[in-house]
Each structure stands twice: as C-alpha cells, then as structure tokens.
C-alpha cells in the first residue's frame, strides 16, 4: 500500500499559512488562530488514536476485516497531519516552549 504525503500536507500547510498570515495582518485574533489549530490537533488525534486503537484490538484478537486496510491508510494519513500540526503548534508556542526547556535545563544543572 502506498501512502500519500502530499494529500494531507498541502491543505494543512496552506491552511496554517493562511490563518497565520490573517493573524499577522490583524484580520483575525491570535486566540482564533490558536483555537482553530488546537481543534485541528484534537480532531487529528482522535481519528489517528481511534483508528490505531481499533486496529490494535483487531490485530490482538486476530480478526481480519475488509476495513482494516483502508483504516490503516487513514490512520497513517492523519498521523502525517498530526505531525505537521504538531510542528505548527510548537511554532505557535515557541516562546513558552523555550522558557519551559530552559527551566528544565537549569533544574537538571542544579542536581
């Protein structure tokens, strides 16, 4: 089975760039931009996690059903989407993430 990287990547990257540019140009609030991408993360996670969990149960029980192959395909496709949105999420929260990692580094240096 061949997986497509461009099918989930292009709309996700384009959507992020559009909402980011709208936010940067003052056409939408940062909170809307963040809320939208948090919602997309949630949906991608629920689909990816749910499909993965269902596939795991089917595999563990030794059940092969015709839906297993398409379910695996969409599990991987939404996993790619989740990875991209996770990178965007890190971009949104870069300053707070940097602060968090610097505090962890300082804490580990003290011990």
C-alpha atoms as a PDB file:
ATOM      1  CA  UNK A   1       0.000   0.000   0.000  1.00  0.00           C
ATOM      2  CA  UNK A   2       1.362   3.409  -0.971  1.00  0.00           C
ATOM      3  CA  UNK A   3       0.844   6.333   1.347  1.00  0.00           C
ATOM      4  CA  UNK A   4       0.428   9.900   0.205  1.00  0.00           C
ATOM      5  CA  UNK A   5       2.383  12.607   1.926  1.00  0.00           C
ATOM      6  CA  UNK A   6       1.126  15.462  -0.248  1.00  0.00           C
ATOM      7  CA  UNK A   7      -2.605  14.781   0.207  1.00  0.00           C
ATOM      8  CA  UNK A   8      -2.613  15.705   3.904  1.00  0.00           C
ATOM      9  CA  UNK A   9       0.406  18.029   3.769  1.00  0.00           C
ATOM     10  CA  UNK A  10      -0.625  20.611   1.192  1.00  0.00           C
ATOM     11  CA  UNK A  11      -4.005  21.567   2.709  1.00  0.00           C
ATOM     12  CA  UNK A  12      -2.601  21.594   6.246  1.00  0.00           C
ATOM     13  CA  UNK A  13       0.397  23.749   5.331  1.00  0.00           C
ATOM     14  CA  UNK A  14      -1.747  26.067   3.187  1.00  0.00           C
ATOM     15  CA  UNK A  15      -4.376  26.351   5.921  1.00  0.00           C
ATOM     16  CA  UNK A  16      -1.789  27.163   8.548  1.00  0.00           C
ATOM     17  CA  UNK A  17      -0.089  29.764   6.369  1.00  0.00           C
ATOM     18  CA  UNK A  18      -3.434  31.389   5.575  1.00  0.00           C
ATOM     19  CA  UNK A  19      -4.546  31.632   9.202  1.00  0.00           C
ATOM     20  CA  UNK A  20      -1.066  32.727  10.298  1.00  0.00           C
ATOM     21  CA  UNK A  21      -0.986  35.499   7.697  1.00  0.00           C
ATOM     22  CA  UNK A  22      -4.513  36.568   8.653  1.00  0.00           C
ATOM     23  CA  UNK A  23      -3.389  36.765  12.275  1.00  0.00           C
ATOM     24  CA  UNK A  24      -0.161  38.619  11.450  1.00  0.00           C
ATOM     25  CA  UNK A  25      -2.083  41.155   9.319  1.00  0.00           C
ATOM     26  CA  UNK A  26      -4.584  41.749  12.125  1.00  0.00           C
ATOM     27  CA  UNK A  27      -7.569  40.264  10.311  1.00  0.00           C
ATOM     28  CA  UNK A  28      -8.161  37.603  12.957  1.00  0.00           C
ATOM     29  CA  UNK A  29      -7.121  37.442  16.598  1.00  0.00           C
ATOM     30  CA  UNK A  30      -4.279  35.231  17.725  1.00  0.00           C
ATOM     31  CA  UNK A  31      -6.706  33.399  20.003  1.00  0.00           C
ATOM     32  CA  UNK A  32      -8.823  32.374  16.981  1.00  0.00           C
ATOM     33  CA  UNK A  33      -5.724  31.188  15.120  1.00  0.00           C
ATOM     34  CA  UNK A  34      -4.625  29.132  18.141  1.00  0.00           C
ATOM     35  CA  UNK A  35      -8.114  27.793  18.872  1.00  0.00           C
ATOM     36  CA  UNK A  36      -8.552  26.667  15.282  1.00  0.00           C
ATOM     37  CA  UNK A  37      -5.266  24.769  15.272  1.00  0.00           C
ATOM     38  CA  UNK A  38      -5.922  23.286  18.721  1.00  0.00           C
ATOM     39  CA  UNK A  39      -9.227  21.980  17.331  1.00  0.00           C
ATOM     40  CA  UNK A  40      -7.450  20.515  14.294  1.00  0.00           C
ATOM     41  CA  UNK A  41      -4.929  18.816  16.607  1.00  0.00           C
ATOM     42  CA  UNK A  42      -7.791  17.341  18.624  1.00  0.00           C
ATOM     43  CA  UNK A  43      -9.630  16.009  15.554  1.00  0.00           C
ATOM     44  CA  UNK A  44      -6.444  14.564  14.013  1.00  0.00           C
ATOM     45  CA  UNK A  45      -5.517  12.927  17.318  1.00  0.00           C
ATOM     46  CA  UNK A  46      -8.979  11.433  17.838  1.00  0.00           C
ATOM     47  CA  UNK A  47      -9.017   9.973  14.336  1.00  0.00           C
ATOM     48  CA  UNK A  48      -5.421   8.737  14.459  1.00  0.00           C
ATOM     49  CA  UNK A  49      -5.670   7.423  18.001  1.00  0.00           C
ATOM     50  CA  UNK A  50      -9.106   5.898  17.499  1.00  0.00           C
ATOM     51  CA  UNK A  51      -8.094   4.159  14.276  1.00  0.00           C
ATOM     52  CA  UNK A  52      -4.855   2.932  15.830  1.00  0.00           C
ATOM     53  CA  UNK A  53      -6.688   1.621  18.884  1.00  0.00           C
ATOM     54  CA  UNK A  54      -9.269  -0.163  16.743  1.00  0.00           C
ATOM     55  CA  UNK A  55      -6.545  -1.668  14.553  1.00  0.00           C
ATOM     56  CA  UNK A  56      -4.686  -2.820  17.665  1.00  0.00           C
ATOM     57  CA  UNK A  57      -7.794  -4.525  19.043  1.00  0.00           C
ATOM     58  CA  UNK A  58      -8.455  -6.235  15.699  1.00  0.00           C
ATOM     59  CA  UNK A  59      -4.828  -7.351  15.434  1.00  0.00           C
ATOM     60  CA  UNK A  60      -4.733  -8.565  19.033  1.00  0.00           C
ATOM     61  CA  UNK A  61      -7.892 -10.625  18.519  1.00  0.00           C
ATOM     62  CA  UNK A  62      -6.613 -11.998  15.207  1.00  0.00           C
ATOM     63  CA  UNK A  63      -9.542 -10.543  13.301  1.00  0.00           C
ATOM     64  CA  UNK A  64      -9.064  -9.538   9.684  1.00  0.00           C
ATOM     65  CA  UNK A  65     -11.878  -7.462   8.251  1.00  0.00           C
ATOM     66  CA  UNK A  66     -12.100  -5.694   4.889  1.00  0.00           C
ATOM     67  CA  UNK A  67     -11.997  -2.297   6.591  1.00  0.00           C
ATOM     68  CA  UNK A  68      -8.550  -2.936   8.129  1.00  0.00           C
ATOM     69  CA  UNK A  69      -6.574  -1.798   5.063  1.00  0.00           C
ATOM     70  CA  UNK A  70      -8.445   1.495   4.483  1.00  0.00           C
ATOM     71  CA  UNK A  71      -8.431   2.137   8.229  1.00  0.00           C
ATOM     72  CA  UNK A  72      -4.657   1.682   8.320  1.00  0.00           C
ATOM     73  CA  UNK A  73      -4.289   4.033   5.347  1.00  0.00           C
ATOM     74  CA  UNK A  74      -6.292   6.811   7.030  1.00  0.00           C
ATOM     75  CA  UNK A  75      -4.555   6.166  10.332  1.00  0.00           C
ATOM     76  CA  UNK A  76      -1.223   6.896   8.634  1.00  0.00           C
ATOM     77  CA  UNK A  77      -2.582   9.883   6.662  1.00  0.00           C
ATOM     78  CA  UNK A  78      -3.987  11.544   9.772  1.00  0.00           C
ATOM     79  CA  UNK A  79      -0.763  10.683  11.593  1.00  0.00           C
ATOM     80  CA  UNK A  80       1.128  12.724   8.990  1.00  0.00           C
ATOM     81  CA  UNK A  81      -1.381  15.536   9.502  1.00  0.00           C
ATOM     82  CA  UNK A  82      -0.928  15.301  13.263  1.00  0.00           C
ATOM     83  CA  UNK A  83       2.849  15.540  12.864  1.00  0.00           C
ATOM     84  CA  UNK A  84       2.556  18.671  10.730  1.00  0.00           C
ATOM     85  CA  UNK A  85       0.036  20.312  13.031  1.00  0.00           C
ATOM     86  CA  UNK A  86       2.270  19.413  15.977  1.00  0.00           C
ATOM     87  CA  UNK A  87       5.130  21.281  14.312  1.00  0.00           C
ATOM     88  CA  UNK A  88       2.835  24.272  13.779  1.00  0.00           C
ATOM     89  CA  UNK A  89       1.702  24.033  17.403  1.00  0.00           C
ATOM     90  CA  UNK A  90       5.320  24.150  18.502  1.00  0.00           C
ATOM     91  CA  UNK A  91       5.758  27.238  16.290  1.00  0.00           C
ATOM     92  CA  UNK A  92       2.797  28.945  17.946  1.00  0.00           C
ATOM     93  CA  UNK A  93       4.093  28.198  21.437  1.00  0.00           C
ATOM     94  CA  UNK A  94       7.803  28.634  20.694  1.00  0.00           C
ATOM     95  CA  UNK A  95       8.413  31.301  23.334  1.00  0.00           C
ATOM     96  CA  UNK A  96       6.698  29.406  26.137  1.00  0.00           C
ATOM     97  CA  UNK A  97       8.315  26.143  24.998  1.00  0.00           C
ATOM     98  CA  UNK A  98      11.742  27.744  25.027  1.00  0.00           C
ATOM     99  CA  UNK A  99      11.080  29.044  28.538  1.00  0.00           C
ATOM    100  CA  UNK A 100       9.931  25.611  29.705  1.00  0.00           C
ATOM    101  CA  UNK A 101      13.001  23.852  28.259  1.00  0.00           C
ATOM    102  CA  UNK A 102      15.389  26.447  29.692  1.00  0.00           C
ATOM    103  CA  UNK A 103      13.848  25.948  33.158  1.00  0.00           C
ATOM    104  CA  UNK A 104      14.221  22.178  32.799  1.00  0.00           C
ATOM    105  CA  UNK A 105      17.858  22.633  31.790  1.00  0.00           C
ATOM    106  CA  UNK A 106      18.548  24.890  34.796  1.00  0.00           C
ATOM    107  CA  UNK A 107      16.838  22.407  37.123  1.00  0.00           C
ATOM    108  CA  UNK A 108      18.922  19.489  35.811  1.00  0.00           C
ATOM    109  CA  UNK A 109      22.133  21.524  36.194  1.00  0.00           C
ATOM    110  CA  UNK A 110      21.369  22.102  39.897  1.00  0.00           C
ATOM    111  CA  UNK A 111      21.174  18.382  40.664  1.00  0.00           C
END
